[in-house]
C-alpha atoms as a PDB file:
ATOM      1  CA  MET A   1      -0.004  -0.066  -0.126  1.00  0.00           C
ATOM      2  CA  VAL A   2       2.654   2.218   0.850  1.00  0.00           C
ATOM      3  CA  GLU A   3       4.770   1.418  -2.153  1.00  0.00           C
ATOM      4  CA  ASP A   4       2.040   2.011  -4.240  1.00  0.00           C
ATOM      5  CA  ARG A   5       1.420   5.330  -2.865  1.00  0.00           C
ATOM      6  CA  VAL A   6       5.074   6.099  -3.342  1.00  0.00           C
ATOM      7  CA  ARG A   7       4.931   5.128  -6.843  1.00  0.00           C
ATOM      8  CA  LEU A   8       1.910   7.056  -7.641  1.00  0.00           C
ATOM      9  CA  GLY A   9       2.862  10.134  -6.046  1.00  0.00           C
ATOM     10  CA  SER A  10       6.363   9.926  -7.700  1.00  0.00           C
ATOM     11  CA  PHE A  11       4.659   9.336 -10.987  1.00  0.00           C
ATOM     12  CA  VAL A  12       2.553  12.364 -10.638  1.00  0.00           C
ATOM     13  CA  SER A  13       5.527  14.532  -9.812  1.00  0.00           C
ATOM     14  CA  VAL A  14       7.510  13.378 -12.861  1.00  0.00           C
ATOM     15  CA  VAL A  15       4.592  14.254 -15.091  1.00  0.00           C
ATOM     16  CA  GLY A  16       4.183  17.558 -13.388  1.00  0.00           C
ATOM     17  CA  ALA A  17       7.718  18.344 -13.729  1.00  0.00           C
ATOM     18  CA  ALA A  18       7.808  17.670 -17.493  1.00  0.00           C
ATOM     19  CA  VAL A  19       4.633  19.715 -17.612  1.00  0.00           C
ATOM     20  CA  LEU A  20       6.489  22.647 -15.935  1.00  0.00           C
ATOM     21  CA  ALA A  21       9.445  22.370 -18.359  1.00  0.00           C
ATOM     22  CA  VAL A  22       7.586  22.504 -21.439  1.00  0.00           C
ATOM     23  CA  SER A  23       5.331  25.260 -20.261  1.00  0.00           C
ATOM     24  CA  VAL A  24       8.369  27.644 -20.146  1.00  0.00           C
ATOM     25  CA  PHE A  25       8.157  27.559 -24.035  1.00  0.00           C
ATOM     26  CA  LEU A  26       4.558  28.140 -24.194  1.00  0.00           C
ATOM     27  CA  PRO A  27       2.474  31.380 -24.316  1.00  0.00           C
ATOM     28  CA  TRP A  28       2.501  32.866 -20.908  1.00  0.00           C
ATOM     29  CA  TYR A  29       1.387  36.349 -21.756  1.00  0.00           C
ATOM     30  CA  GLY A  30      -0.937  37.802 -24.618  1.00  0.00           C
ATOM     31  CA  VAL A  31       0.543  41.292 -25.939  1.00  0.00           C
ATOM     32  CA  THR A  32      -2.535  43.593 -26.552  1.00  0.00           C
ATOM     33  CA  PHE A  33      -2.568  46.980 -28.432  1.00  0.00           C
ATOM     34  CA  THR A  34      -4.154  49.405 -26.086  1.00  0.00           C
ATOM     35  CA  ALA A  35      -6.404  52.426 -26.930  1.00  0.00           C
ATOM     36  CA  GLY A  36      -3.445  54.628 -25.800  1.00  0.00           C
ATOM     37  CA  GLY A  37      -1.403  52.874 -28.063  1.00  0.00           C
ATOM     38  CA  VAL A  38      -3.468  53.301 -31.116  1.00  0.00           C
ATOM     39  CA  ALA A  39      -3.791  57.218 -30.467  1.00  0.00           C
ATOM     40  CA  SER A  40       0.068  57.350 -29.945  1.00  0.00           C
ATOM     41  CA  ALA A  41       0.505  55.431 -33.361  1.00  0.00           C
ATOM     42  CA  GLN A  42      -1.867  57.651 -35.148  1.00  0.00           C
ATOM     43  CA  GLN A  43      -0.241  60.848 -33.799  1.00  0.00           C
ATOM     44  CA  ALA A  44       3.171  59.702 -34.843  1.00  0.00           C
ATOM     45  CA  LEU A  45       2.214  58.831 -38.272  1.00  0.00           C
ATOM     46  CA  ASN A  46       0.238  62.284 -38.668  1.00  0.00           C
ATOM     47  CA  ASN A  47       3.337  64.130 -37.293  1.00  0.00           C
ATOM     48  CA  VAL A  48       5.680  62.291 -39.903  1.00  0.00           C
ATOM     49  CA  ALA A  49       3.132  62.925 -42.754  1.00  0.00           C
ATOM     50  CA  GLN A  50       2.840  66.667 -41.715  1.00  0.00           C
ATOM     51  CA  GLN A  51       6.568  66.990 -41.680  1.00  0.00           C
ATOM     52  CA  TYR A  52       7.827  64.944 -44.545  1.00  0.00           C
ATOM     53  CA  GLY A  53       4.698  64.601 -46.843  1.00  0.00           C
ATOM     54  CA  ASN A  54       2.522  66.366 -49.426  1.00  0.00           C
ATOM     55  CA  THR A  55      -1.117  66.788 -49.236  1.00  0.00           C
ATOM     56  CA  THR A  56      -1.923  63.447 -50.954  1.00  0.00           C
ATOM     57  CA  PHE A  57       0.512  61.574 -48.569  1.00  0.00           C
ATOM     58  CA  GLN A  58      -1.073  63.287 -45.388  1.00  0.00           C
ATOM     59  CA  THR A  59      -4.544  62.267 -46.589  1.00  0.00           C
ATOM     60  CA  GLN A  60      -3.352  58.606 -47.000  1.00  0.00           C
ATOM     61  CA  ALA A  61      -1.591  58.666 -43.694  1.00  0.00           C
ATOM     62  CA  LYS A  62      -4.916  59.802 -41.964  1.00  0.00           C
ATOM     63  CA  ALA A  63      -6.758  56.967 -43.654  1.00  0.00           C
ATOM     64  CA  ILE A  64      -3.985  54.421 -42.518  1.00  0.00           C
ATOM     65  CA  GLY A  65      -4.262  55.806 -38.886  1.00  0.00           C
ATOM     66  CA  LEU A  66      -7.892  55.301 -38.835  1.00  0.00           C
ATOM     67  CA  GLY A  67      -7.346  51.694 -39.703  1.00  0.00           C
ATOM     68  CA  PHE A  68      -5.191  51.339 -36.628  1.00  0.00           C
ATOM     69  CA  SER A  69      -8.340  51.500 -34.476  1.00  0.00           C
ATOM     70  CA  ALA A  70      -9.279  48.006 -35.387  1.00  0.00           C
ATOM     71  CA  PHE A  71      -6.139  46.677 -33.543  1.00  0.00           C
ATOM     72  CA  SER A  72      -7.268  48.289 -30.172  1.00  0.00           C
ATOM     73  CA  GLY A  73      -8.064  45.653 -27.681  1.00  0.00           C
ATOM     74  CA  HIS A  74      -6.913  42.692 -29.914  1.00  0.00           C
ATOM     75  CA  GLN A  75      -4.178  40.445 -29.168  1.00  0.00           C
ATOM     76  CA  LEU A  76      -1.214  40.880 -31.250  1.00  0.00           C
ATOM     77  CA  THR A  77       1.012  38.290 -30.264  1.00  0.00           C
ATOM     78  CA  THR A  78       2.005  35.850 -27.316  1.00  0.00           C
ATOM     79  CA  LEU A  79       5.202  35.741 -25.128  1.00  0.00           C
ATOM     80  CA  SER A  80       6.640  32.593 -23.648  1.00  0.00           C
ATOM     81  CA  ALA A  81       8.365  32.726 -20.260  1.00  0.00           C
ATOM     82  CA  HIS A  82      11.571  31.957 -22.337  1.00  0.00           C
ATOM     83  CA  GLN A  83      10.983  35.199 -24.206  1.00  0.00           C
ATOM     84  CA  ALA A  84       9.564  37.563 -21.695  1.00  0.00           C
ATOM     85  CA  LEU A  85      11.433  36.523 -18.436  1.00  0.00           C
ATOM     86  CA  LYS A  86      15.148  36.879 -17.906  1.00  0.00           C
ATOM     87  CA  TYR A  87      15.940  34.662 -14.960  1.00  0.00           C
ATOM     88  CA  ILE A  88      12.742  32.913 -13.659  1.00  0.00           C
ATOM     89  CA  ASN A  89      12.515  30.783 -16.873  1.00  0.00           C
ATOM     90  CA  VAL A  90      15.999  29.492 -16.005  1.00  0.00           C
ATOM     91  CA  ILE A  91      14.950  28.878 -12.410  1.00  0.00           C
ATOM     92  CA  LEU A  92      11.982  27.126 -13.339  1.00  0.00           C
ATOM     93  CA  LEU A  93      13.798  24.793 -15.797  1.00  0.00           C
ATOM     94  CA  ILE A  94      16.381  23.812 -13.083  1.00  0.00           C
ATOM     95  CA  LEU A  95      13.600  23.264 -10.548  1.00  0.00           C
ATOM     96  CA  ALA A  96      11.716  21.146 -13.170  1.00  0.00           C
ATOM     97  CA  ALA A  97      14.940  19.215 -13.636  1.00  0.00           C
ATOM     98  CA  ILE A  98      15.634  18.702 -10.049  1.00  0.00           C
ATOM     99  CA  ALA A  99      11.951  17.592  -9.290  1.00  0.00           C
ATOM    100  CA  PHE A 100      11.970  15.123 -12.399  1.00  0.00           C
ATOM    101  CA  LEU A 101      15.232  13.475 -11.496  1.00  0.00           C
ATOM    102  CA  GLY A 102      14.203  13.278  -7.769  1.00  0.00           C
ATOM    103  CA  ALA A 103      10.679  11.808  -8.371  1.00  0.00           C
ATOM    104  CA  LEU A 104      12.281   9.467 -11.168  1.00  0.00           C
ATOM    105  CA  LEU A 105      14.798   8.113  -8.671  1.00  0.00           C
ATOM    106  CA  ARG A 106      11.933   7.469  -6.155  1.00  0.00           C
ATOM    107  CA  LEU A 107       9.868   5.762  -8.807  1.00  0.00           C
ATOM    108  CA  ALA A 108      12.773   3.510  -9.917  1.00  0.00           C
ATOM    109  CA  GLY A 109      13.210   2.477  -6.201  1.00  0.00           C
ATOM    110  CA  ALA A 110      15.505   4.970  -4.455  1.00  0.00           C
ATOM    111  CA  SER A 111      12.972   6.195  -2.126  1.00  0.00           C
ATOM    112  CA  ASP A 112      14.973   5.521   0.983  1.00  0.00           C
ATOM    113  CA  SER A 113      17.685   8.103  -0.175  1.00  0.00           C
ATOM    114  CA  ALA A 114      17.651  11.290   1.811  1.00  0.00           C
ATOM    115  CA  GLN A 115      18.439  13.103  -1.520  1.00  0.00           C
ATOM    116  CA  THR A 116      15.113  11.972  -3.109  1.00  0.00           C
ATOM    117  CA  SER A 117      12.586  12.195  -0.325  1.00  0.00           C
ATOM    118  CA  GLY A 118       9.003  13.238  -1.118  1.00  0.00           C
ATOM    119  CA  GLY A 119       9.112  16.169   1.032  1.00  0.00           C
ATOM    120  CA  GLN A 120      12.066  17.458  -0.924  1.00  0.00           C
ATOM    121  CA  VAL A 121      10.315  17.010  -4.130  1.00  0.00           C
ATOM    122  CA  ALA A 122       7.275  18.685  -2.731  1.00  0.00           C
ATOM    123  CA  LEU A 123       9.491  21.587  -1.528  1.00  0.00           C
ATOM    124  CA  VAL A 124      10.795  22.108  -5.101  1.00  0.00           C
ATOM    125  CA  GLY A 125       7.146  22.024  -6.440  1.00  0.00           C
ATOM    126  CA  LEU A 126       6.123  24.714  -3.701  1.00  0.00           C
ATOM    127  CA  VAL A 127       9.211  26.973  -4.932  1.00  0.00           C
ATOM    128  CA  ALA A 128       8.212  26.695  -8.575  1.00  0.00           C
ATOM    129  CA  GLY A 129       4.646  27.592  -7.718  1.00  0.00           C
ATOM    130  CA  VAL A 130       5.568  30.714  -5.828  1.00  0.00           C
ATOM    131  CA  CYS A 131       7.687  31.780  -8.820  1.00  0.00           C
ATOM    132  CA  VAL A 132       4.967  31.099 -11.031  1.00  0.00           C
ATOM    133  CA  LEU A 133       2.363  33.137  -8.990  1.00  0.00           C
ATOM    134  CA  PHE A 134       4.847  35.847  -8.560  1.00  0.00           C
ATOM    135  CA  ARG A 135       4.900  36.287 -12.433  1.00  0.00           C
ATOM    136  CA  MET A 136       1.088  36.103 -12.514  1.00  0.00           C
ATOM    137  CA  VAL A 137       0.857  38.995 -10.094  1.00  0.00           C
ATOM    138  CA  ASP A 138       3.998  41.041 -11.125  1.00  0.00           C
ATOM    139  CA  ARG A 139       4.005  40.784 -14.857  1.00  0.00           C
ATOM    140  CA  PRO A 140       6.850  41.965 -16.905  1.00  0.00           C
ATOM    141  CA  ALA A 141       6.311  45.842 -17.551  1.00  0.00           C
ATOM    142  CA  PRO A 142       5.312  46.564 -21.295  1.00  0.00           C
ATOM    143  CA  LEU A 143       5.566  49.909 -22.813  1.00  0.00           C
ATOM    144  CA  GLU A 144       2.644  50.998 -20.625  1.00  0.00           C
ATOM    145  CA  PRO A 145       0.902  53.498 -22.980  1.00  0.00           C
ATOM    146  CA  VAL A 146       1.108  51.271 -25.921  1.00  0.00           C
ATOM    147  CA  PHE A 147       0.872  47.592 -24.890  1.00  0.00           C
ATOM    148  CA  SER A 148      -0.820  45.412 -22.060  1.00  0.00           C
ATOM    149  CA  LEU A 149      -0.090  42.003 -21.015  1.00  0.00           C
ATOM    150  CA  SER A 150      -2.796  39.279 -20.241  1.00  0.00           C
ATOM    151  CA  LEU A 151      -2.103  35.969 -18.683  1.00  0.00           C
ATOM    152  CA  GLY A 152      -1.891  33.205 -21.409  1.00  0.00           C
ATOM    153  CA  TRP A 153      -2.708  29.552 -21.104  1.00  0.00           C
ATOM    154  CA  GLY A 154       0.985  28.592 -20.609  1.00  0.00           C
ATOM    155  CA  ILE A 155       1.407  30.248 -17.374  1.00  0.00           C
ATOM    156  CA  TRP A 156      -1.704  28.212 -15.943  1.00  0.00           C
ATOM    157  CA  LEU A 157      -0.111  25.107 -17.292  1.00  0.00           C
ATOM    158  CA  ALA A 158       3.133  25.874 -15.333  1.00  0.00           C
ATOM    159  CA  LEU A 159       1.102  26.586 -12.252  1.00  0.00           C
ATOM    160  CA  ALA A 160      -0.637  23.202 -12.713  1.00  0.00           C
ATOM    161  CA  GLY A 161       2.680  21.321 -13.254  1.00  0.00           C
ATOM    162  CA  SER A 162       4.116  23.140 -10.021  1.00  0.00           C
ATOM    163  CA  ALA A 163       1.081  21.908  -8.092  1.00  0.00           C
ATOM    164  CA  ALA A 164       1.258  18.430  -9.478  1.00  0.00           C
ATOM    165  CA  ILE A 165       5.097  18.303  -8.270  1.00  0.00           C
ATOM    166  CA  LEU A 166       3.999  19.450  -4.872  1.00  0.00           C
ATOM    167  CA  VAL A 167       0.982  16.996  -4.435  1.00  0.00           C
ATOM    168  CA  GLY A 168       2.967  14.073  -5.812  1.00  0.00           C
ATOM    169  CA  GLY A 169       5.678  14.698  -3.446  1.00  0.00           C
ATOM    170  CA  LEU A 170       3.532  15.049  -0.403  1.00  0.00           C
ATOM    171  CA  TRP A 171       1.495  12.039  -1.537  1.00  0.00           C
ATOM    172  CA  SER A 172       4.637   9.896  -1.629  1.00  0.00           C
ATOM    173  CA  SER A 173       5.976  11.073   1.473  1.00  0.00           C
ATOM    174  CA  LEU A 174       2.784  10.072   3.604  1.00  0.00           C
ATOM    175  CA  LYS A 175       3.137   6.887   5.697  1.00  0.00           C
ATOM    176  CA  ARG A 176       0.489   4.544   6.592  1.00  0.00           C
ATOM    177  CA  ASP A 177       1.263   4.936  10.125  1.00  0.00           C
ATOM    178  CA  HIS A 178       2.171   8.248  11.392  1.00  0.00           C
ATOM    179  CA  SER A 179       3.087   7.321  14.960  1.00  0.00           C
ATOM    180  CA  PRO A 180       6.611   5.906  15.052  1.00  0.00           C
ATOM    181  CA  SER A 181       7.116   2.709  16.925  1.00  0.00           C
ATOM    182  CA  THR A 182       9.212   2.046  19.848  1.00  0.00           C
ATOM    183  CA  GLY A 183      11.488  -0.060  17.887  1.00  0.00           C
ATOM    184  CA  SER A 184      11.991   2.504  15.160  1.00  0.00           C
ATOM    185  CA  LEU A 185      12.771   5.036  17.848  1.00  0.00           C
ATOM    186  CA  VAL A 186      15.333   2.624  19.414  1.00  0.00           C
ATOM    187  CA  ALA A 187      16.947   1.960  16.100  1.00  0.00           C
ATOM    188  CA  ALA A 188      17.052   5.645  15.205  1.00  0.00           C
ATOM    189  CA  TRP A 189      18.663   6.374  18.648  1.00  0.00           C
ATOM    190  CA  ASP A 190      20.996   3.519  18.017  1.00  0.00           C
ATOM    191  CA  GLY A 191      22.140   4.966  14.724  1.00  0.00           C
ATOM    192  CA  LEU A 192      22.843   8.369  16.048  1.00  0.00           C
ATOM    193  CA  SER A 193      24.565   7.450  19.300  1.00  0.00           C
ATOM    194  CA  GLY A 194      26.031   4.125  18.785  1.00  0.00           C
ATOM    195  CA  TRP A 195      24.728   3.008  22.146  1.00  0.00           C
ATOM    196  CA  THR A 196      21.730   0.408  22.440  1.00  0.00           C
ATOM    197  CA  PRO A 197      19.803   0.661  25.735  1.00  0.00           C
ATOM    198  CA  ASP A 198      19.320  -2.594  27.440  1.00  0.00           C
ATOM    199  CA  ALA A 199      16.055  -4.247  27.232  1.00  0.00           C
END
């Protein structure tokens, strides 16, 4: 029962780590042309036309500028974490690799190793989730009057992957019996002190 729980939790963490790594290259933010950006672009085009163009060019520039209004509020492109973020994308890839390898070792039977405990895998998932949440709240600053950023589906996938690492790590670290037995306490004390109490 406990072994099945370890394997299932480790499998969930492995999948979550893979999802987190892939999500770094998926759309995290949608770039939208704001109404202020449209007005700025129209003004810039009109200024250029007035300074350097004749009457025909100025008329055409006004017509083109009016066409900019169609882009207001529409998503122009998307940005991945790899494109928009300088450091957190690297941190997330490192955390995903650590969680992937740690959970994979537990899945392969190295569950007794202190370096691959379920709690440590869960901690990696927690740190990754905090990084993703931070970038949900504190988005990269675009050129404020011109563009705005909205959350894309890739960032939600990253959050789901982080949550899967966390839940899988916690699930695989749960024991069937939470109260340590007297024999296990004696064995732990014996390992620490080298002294075995007389029965």
